[in-house]
């Protein structure tokens, strides 16, 4: 008896490319940007890439969301704790799977077209 392996389901992410993965339930698949290495503080102090920053949250871009996610859309920038994550490799690229409740914030545009930005 011959057995066949089913093809992996495909989903799409922000740039329209196909991913061989469907995110389930309240999970969000995000892609963290490349480490920038050295950075500068607002005061202009150079912080080396090897400096340890404790309890710092990380920004990432949501590339796929599960059917029960209400607050995050594909392409949103999300803020999460890098210690509470599960890493996964899909087609040679690194992603992180999070629960929606583990996301602390979603970046929103400051002023949308046609709005003044004033709260009256």
Protein backbone atom coordinates (compact mmCIF):
# COMPACT_ATOMS: atom_id res chain seq x y z
CA UNK A 1 0.00 0.00 0.00
CA UNK A 2 1.50 3.34 -1.06
CA UNK A 3 1.29 6.29 1.26
CA UNK A 4 1.37 9.86 0.18
CA UNK A 5 2.33 12.81 2.26
CA UNK A 6 -0.16 15.67 2.22
CA UNK A 7 1.06 19.03 1.04
CA UNK A 8 1.53 21.66 3.70
CA UNK A 9 -1.23 24.25 3.73
CA UNK A 10 -0.20 27.65 2.51
CA UNK A 11 -0.88 31.04 4.04
CA UNK A 12 0.15 34.48 2.94
CA UNK A 13 2.07 37.10 4.78
CA UNK A 14 2.53 40.86 4.45
CA UNK A 15 4.48 40.97 1.18
CA UNK A 16 2.08 38.58 -0.55
CA UNK A 17 4.53 35.68 -0.61
CA UNK A 18 3.22 32.23 0.27
CA UNK A 19 4.18 30.56 3.52
CA UNK A 20 3.80 26.78 3.92
CA UNK A 21 2.09 27.28 7.26
CA UNK A 22 -1.33 28.22 8.63
CA UNK A 23 -1.32 29.79 12.07
CA UNK A 24 -4.01 28.38 14.36
CA UNK A 25 -6.19 29.73 17.18
CA UNK A 26 -4.86 32.88 18.86
CA UNK A 27 -1.29 32.57 17.58
CA UNK A 28 0.65 35.27 15.72
CA UNK A 29 3.68 34.54 13.54
CA UNK A 30 6.13 37.46 13.60
CA UNK A 31 9.47 38.21 12.03
CA UNK A 32 12.00 40.09 14.11
CA UNK A 33 14.22 42.54 12.22
CA UNK A 34 17.93 41.95 11.98
CA UNK A 35 19.99 43.10 14.93
CA UNK A 36 21.35 46.55 14.26
CA UNK A 37 24.53 46.00 16.24
CA UNK A 38 25.75 49.23 17.75
CA UNK A 39 23.17 51.87 18.52
CA UNK A 40 23.08 55.33 20.02
CA UNK A 41 21.05 56.59 22.93
CA UNK A 42 19.04 59.79 22.60
CA UNK A 43 21.88 61.64 24.31
CA UNK A 44 24.33 60.37 21.67
CA UNK A 45 26.09 57.74 23.77
CA UNK A 46 27.33 54.80 21.68
CA UNK A 47 25.98 51.47 23.02
CA UNK A 48 27.93 48.44 21.74
CA UNK A 49 26.12 45.41 20.34
CA UNK A 50 27.47 43.26 23.19
CA UNK A 51 25.83 45.38 25.92
CA UNK A 52 23.18 43.48 27.84
CA UNK A 53 19.87 45.30 28.14
CA UNK A 54 17.69 43.70 30.77
CA UNK A 55 13.94 43.44 30.43
CA UNK A 56 13.78 45.20 27.08
CA UNK A 57 10.79 44.53 24.83
CA UNK A 58 11.25 43.85 21.11
CA UNK A 59 9.43 45.07 17.99
CA UNK A 60 8.52 42.65 15.20
CA UNK A 61 6.26 42.53 12.13
CA UNK A 62 3.25 40.20 12.09
CA UNK A 63 3.45 38.01 8.98
CA UNK A 64 0.53 35.65 9.72
CA UNK A 65 -2.28 35.56 12.28
CA UNK A 66 -4.62 32.85 13.49
CA UNK A 67 -8.39 32.95 12.96
CA UNK A 68 -9.13 33.93 16.58
CA UNK A 69 -6.76 36.92 16.73
CA UNK A 70 -8.74 40.14 17.11
CA UNK A 71 -6.22 42.95 17.70
CA UNK A 72 -3.41 42.20 15.25
CA UNK A 73 -3.42 42.24 11.46
CA UNK A 74 -0.79 41.06 8.99
CA UNK A 75 1.79 43.81 8.56
CA UNK A 76 1.31 45.34 12.04
CA UNK A 77 4.35 46.13 14.17
CA UNK A 78 3.94 44.42 17.53
CA UNK A 79 5.81 44.76 20.82
CA UNK A 80 6.58 41.62 22.85
CA UNK A 81 8.92 40.24 25.50
CA UNK A 82 11.73 38.33 23.73
CA UNK A 83 12.00 35.92 26.68
CA UNK A 84 8.43 34.64 26.12
CA UNK A 85 8.78 33.29 22.60
CA UNK A 86 9.07 30.17 20.52
CA UNK A 87 11.33 30.36 17.48
CA UNK A 88 10.63 28.46 14.28
CA UNK A 89 12.39 28.23 10.93
CA UNK A 90 10.22 28.21 7.80
CA UNK A 91 11.86 27.96 4.39
CA UNK A 92 15.20 29.04 5.83
CA UNK A 93 13.86 32.17 7.56
CA UNK A 94 13.54 32.68 11.31
CA UNK A 95 10.13 33.51 12.78
CA UNK A 96 8.66 33.70 16.26
CA UNK A 97 5.25 32.32 17.28
CA UNK A 98 3.43 34.25 20.01
CA UNK A 99 0.04 34.09 21.67
CA UNK A 100 -2.04 37.19 21.15
CA UNK A 101 -2.08 37.75 24.91
CA UNK A 102 1.76 37.88 24.94
CA UNK A 103 1.75 40.94 22.67
CA UNK A 104 2.03 44.12 24.73
CA UNK A 105 1.25 46.72 22.04
CA UNK A 106 0.51 47.24 18.37
CA UNK A 107 2.06 50.26 16.67
CA UNK A 108 -0.51 52.56 15.13
CA UNK A 109 -0.04 55.44 12.72
CA UNK A 110 -0.03 58.79 14.56
CA UNK A 111 -2.36 60.65 12.22
CA UNK A 112 -4.37 58.99 9.48
CA UNK A 113 -5.37 60.78 6.27
CA UNK A 114 -8.10 63.32 6.85
CA UNK A 115 -7.55 63.58 10.60
CA UNK A 116 -6.05 66.50 12.48
CA UNK A 117 -4.62 64.51 15.38
CA UNK A 118 -6.60 66.63 17.85
CA UNK A 119 -8.90 65.05 20.39
CA UNK A 120 -11.86 67.41 20.80
